[in-house]
């Protein structure tokens, strides 16, 4: 029948989503357990109860899987917290809690072959949030190019601070202390902006 393909496609899509989710979950769990991104593809596939071929079809290779697992964590568990009501204090604490909770996973990626790709991808996720916050704070005092440059600069700098904390911070990480550090930096930037340091 002409419309039969529509019943197969959603079922296939569900299977693909389930196997992708299982692979990303397995990646976070195994990398976190071992503290290393050097988990064999065969073990990732086995932990997700899929074949190696499925992993390669859906992600291409292990590094792409690990990168997507990290981005999925941020999208699912952190981005909404950064834009939720509660203000800057709640957002800074959410950021600290997220990276402390998944420290072993992120540390393994940030000290491995995926570090550059992860930093670039995370900058891409956080940049729109920072751009919007800066746009509100500056109220049009900066043109679009200047706003983009400043948002990129601050996102990259904040990323470097988070990376250093995750990789070299004391064990265990203290999300409240880290949130306080972020808020102090944010207060300095806000003070500079209100003094019209940006012209």
Protein backbone atom coordinates (compact mmCIF):
# COMPACT_ATOMS: atom_id res chain seq x y z
CA UNK A 1 0.00 0.00 0.00
CA UNK A 2 1.22 3.53 -0.76
CA UNK A 3 1.25 4.78 2.86
CA UNK A 4 2.90 1.73 4.48
CA UNK A 5 6.31 3.39 4.78
CA UNK A 6 4.92 5.80 7.38
CA UNK A 7 4.45 3.00 9.93
CA UNK A 8 8.00 1.72 9.50
CA UNK A 9 9.77 5.09 9.67
CA UNK A 10 8.54 6.10 13.15
CA UNK A 11 9.42 2.65 14.51
CA UNK A 12 12.89 2.94 13.00
CA UNK A 13 13.23 6.48 14.36
CA UNK A 14 12.35 5.23 17.85
CA UNK A 15 14.94 2.45 17.58
CA UNK A 16 17.57 4.94 16.42
CA UNK A 17 16.74 7.33 19.27
CA UNK A 18 16.85 4.49 21.81
CA UNK A 19 20.18 3.16 20.57
CA UNK A 20 21.68 6.68 20.41
CA UNK A 21 20.51 7.39 23.95
CA UNK A 22 21.87 4.03 25.17
CA UNK A 23 25.24 4.69 23.54
CA UNK A 24 25.51 8.19 25.02
CA UNK A 25 24.50 6.89 28.46
CA UNK A 26 27.08 4.10 28.20
CA UNK A 27 29.74 6.61 27.15
CA UNK A 28 29.11 8.83 30.18
CA UNK A 29 29.03 5.86 32.56
CA UNK A 30 32.13 4.04 31.25
CA UNK A 31 34.28 7.14 30.82
CA UNK A 32 33.25 8.34 34.30
CA UNK A 33 34.04 4.95 35.86
CA UNK A 34 37.47 4.77 34.27
CA UNK A 35 38.38 8.44 34.31
CA UNK A 36 39.60 8.02 30.75
CA UNK A 37 38.17 8.58 27.29
CA UNK A 38 40.13 5.57 26.00
CA UNK A 39 37.20 3.17 26.27
CA UNK A 40 37.16 0.63 23.43
CA UNK A 41 34.32 0.90 20.94
CA UNK A 42 33.44 -2.74 21.56
CA UNK A 43 32.88 -2.04 25.28
CA UNK A 44 30.76 1.04 24.58
CA UNK A 45 28.60 -0.95 22.15
CA UNK A 46 28.30 -3.88 24.57
CA UNK A 47 27.29 -1.61 27.47
CA UNK A 48 24.62 -0.03 25.25
CA UNK A 49 23.47 -3.46 24.03
CA UNK A 50 24.03 -2.55 20.38
CA UNK A 51 26.51 -3.67 17.77
CA UNK A 52 29.71 -1.84 16.94
CA UNK A 53 28.21 -1.28 13.50
CA UNK A 54 25.32 0.68 15.06
CA UNK A 55 27.80 2.89 16.92
CA UNK A 56 29.71 3.60 13.71
CA UNK A 57 26.51 4.21 11.73
CA UNK A 58 25.12 6.66 14.25
CA UNK A 59 28.26 8.48 15.40
CA UNK A 60 31.08 7.65 13.00
CA UNK A 61 33.65 6.95 15.73
CA UNK A 62 34.22 6.90 19.47
CA UNK A 63 35.35 10.53 19.72
CA UNK A 64 32.18 11.74 17.98
CA UNK A 65 30.10 9.64 20.38
CA UNK A 66 31.89 11.08 23.42
CA UNK A 67 31.48 14.62 22.14
CA UNK A 68 27.77 14.13 21.46
CA UNK A 69 27.30 12.51 24.89
CA UNK A 70 28.81 15.61 26.54
CA UNK A 71 26.67 17.99 24.49
CA UNK A 72 23.57 15.92 25.20
CA UNK A 73 24.27 16.20 28.95
CA UNK A 74 24.56 19.97 28.70
CA UNK A 75 21.43 20.31 26.56
CA UNK A 76 19.30 18.04 28.73
CA UNK A 77 20.51 18.94 32.19
CA UNK A 78 22.10 22.39 32.16
CA UNK A 79 20.97 24.81 29.44
CA UNK A 80 17.43 25.05 30.80
CA UNK A 81 18.81 25.78 34.26
CA UNK A 82 20.86 28.67 32.90
CA UNK A 83 17.82 30.42 31.47
CA UNK A 84 15.28 29.46 34.15
CA UNK A 85 13.86 32.01 36.57
CA UNK A 86 16.06 32.45 39.60
CA UNK A 87 18.65 34.81 38.26
CA UNK A 88 22.39 34.77 38.00
CA UNK A 89 22.98 33.13 41.39
CA UNK A 90 20.87 30.11 40.47
CA UNK A 91 22.48 29.85 37.03
CA UNK A 92 26.03 29.94 38.45
CA UNK A 93 25.16 27.30 41.03
CA UNK A 94 23.52 25.10 38.38
CA UNK A 95 26.66 25.35 36.26
CA UNK A 96 28.88 24.40 39.20
CA UNK A 97 26.66 21.50 40.23
CA UNK A 98 26.51 20.10 36.70
CA UNK A 99 30.26 20.08 36.12
CA UNK A 100 30.94 18.78 39.65
CA UNK A 101 28.44 15.96 39.19
CA UNK A 102 30.00 14.84 35.91
CA UNK A 103 33.55 15.82 36.73
CA UNK A 104 35.21 12.49 35.93
CA UNK A 105 33.51 12.40 32.53
CA UNK A 106 34.34 15.99 31.57
CA UNK A 107 37.86 15.76 32.99
CA UNK A 108 38.58 12.72 30.83
CA UNK A 109 37.36 14.56 27.73
CA UNK A 110 39.12 17.82 28.59
CA UNK A 111 42.45 16.03 29.00
CA UNK A 112 42.09 13.81 25.95
CA UNK A 113 41.97 14.02 22.18
CA UNK A 114 38.44 15.50 22.26
CA UNK A 115 39.38 18.61 24.28
CA UNK A 116 39.48 21.11 21.43
CA UNK A 117 36.28 19.82 19.83
CA UNK A 118 34.49 19.79 23.19
CA UNK A 119 35.54 23.35 24.04
CA UNK A 120 34.46 24.59 20.62
CA UNK A 121 31.10 22.81 20.82
CA UNK A 122 30.41 23.99 24.38
CA UNK A 123 31.23 27.54 23.36
CA UNK A 124 28.62 27.16 20.62
CA UNK A 125 26.02 26.05 23.19
CA UNK A 126 26.76 28.74 25.78
CA UNK A 127 27.35 31.64 23.39
CA UNK A 128 23.65 32.33 22.63
CA UNK A 129 22.86 32.45 26.36
CA UNK A 130 25.71 34.86 27.03
CA UNK A 131 24.89 36.95 23.96
CA UNK A 132 21.30 37.38 25.14
CA UNK A 133 22.38 38.26 28.70
CA UNK A 134 24.90 40.81 27.43
CA UNK A 135 22.38 42.28 25.02
CA UNK A 136 19.99 42.90 27.89
CA UNK A 137 22.73 44.28 30.13
CA UNK A 138 24.10 46.63 27.49
CA UNK A 139 20.75 47.84 26.24
CA UNK A 140 21.96 48.58 22.72
CA UNK A 141 25.18 50.40 23.70
CA UNK A 142 27.17 48.04 21.49
CA UNK A 143 26.65 47.20 17.81
CA UNK A 144 25.96 43.61 16.74
CA UNK A 145 29.58 42.84 15.85
CA UNK A 146 30.86 44.27 19.13
CA UNK A 147 28.23 42.34 21.07
CA UNK A 148 29.22 39.12 19.31
CA UNK A 149 32.91 39.72 19.99
CA UNK A 150 32.31 40.48 23.66
CA UNK A 151 30.02 37.47 24.11
CA UNK A 152 32.59 35.20 22.45
CA UNK A 153 35.39 36.66 24.56
CA UNK A 154 33.50 36.21 27.83
CA UNK A 155 32.21 32.73 26.90
CA UNK A 156 35.74 31.59 26.07
CA UNK A 157 37.14 33.06 29.27
CA UNK A 158 34.43 31.49 31.41
CA UNK A 159 35.04 28.19 29.62
CA UNK A 160 38.74 28.37 30.50
CA UNK A 161 37.87 28.97 34.17
CA UNK A 162 35.42 26.04 34.19
CA UNK A 163 37.99 23.79 32.47
CA UNK A 164 40.70 24.65 35.01
CA UNK A 165 38.29 23.98 37.87
CA UNK A 166 37.11 20.64 36.46
CA UNK A 167 40.59 19.41 35.57
CA UNK A 168 42.73 20.79 38.42
CA UNK A 169 40.28 21.85 41.14
CA UNK A 170 40.29 20.34 44.63
CA UNK A 171 38.59 17.03 45.23
CA UNK A 172 35.68 17.09 45.78
CA UNK A 173 34.63 20.12 43.80
CA UNK A 174 32.55 22.66 45.72
CA UNK A 175 29.81 24.02 43.42
CA UNK A 176 28.83 26.80 45.86
CA UNK A 177 32.38 28.10 46.15
CA UNK A 178 32.76 27.97 42.37
CA UNK A 179 29.44 29.76 41.83
CA UNK A 180 30.73 32.51 44.13
CA UNK A 181 33.86 32.84 42.00
CA UNK A 182 31.79 33.09 38.82
CA UNK A 183 29.49 35.69 40.38
CA UNK A 184 32.47 37.81 41.50
CA UNK A 185 33.83 37.82 37.95
CA UNK A 186 30.38 38.63 36.62
CA UNK A 187 30.08 41.55 39.07
CA UNK A 188 33.38 43.00 37.83
CA UNK A 189 32.25 42.75 34.21
CA UNK A 190 28.88 44.31 35.07
CA UNK A 191 30.61 47.15 36.93
CA UNK A 192 32.81 47.86 33.92
CA UNK A 193 29.81 47.84 31.62
CA UNK A 194 27.78 50.18 33.81
CA UNK A 195 30.68 52.61 33.87
CA UNK A 196 30.38 52.63 30.10
CA UNK A 197 33.75 51.00 29.61
CA UNK A 198 32.31 49.75 26.33
CA UNK A 199 32.05 52.58 23.82
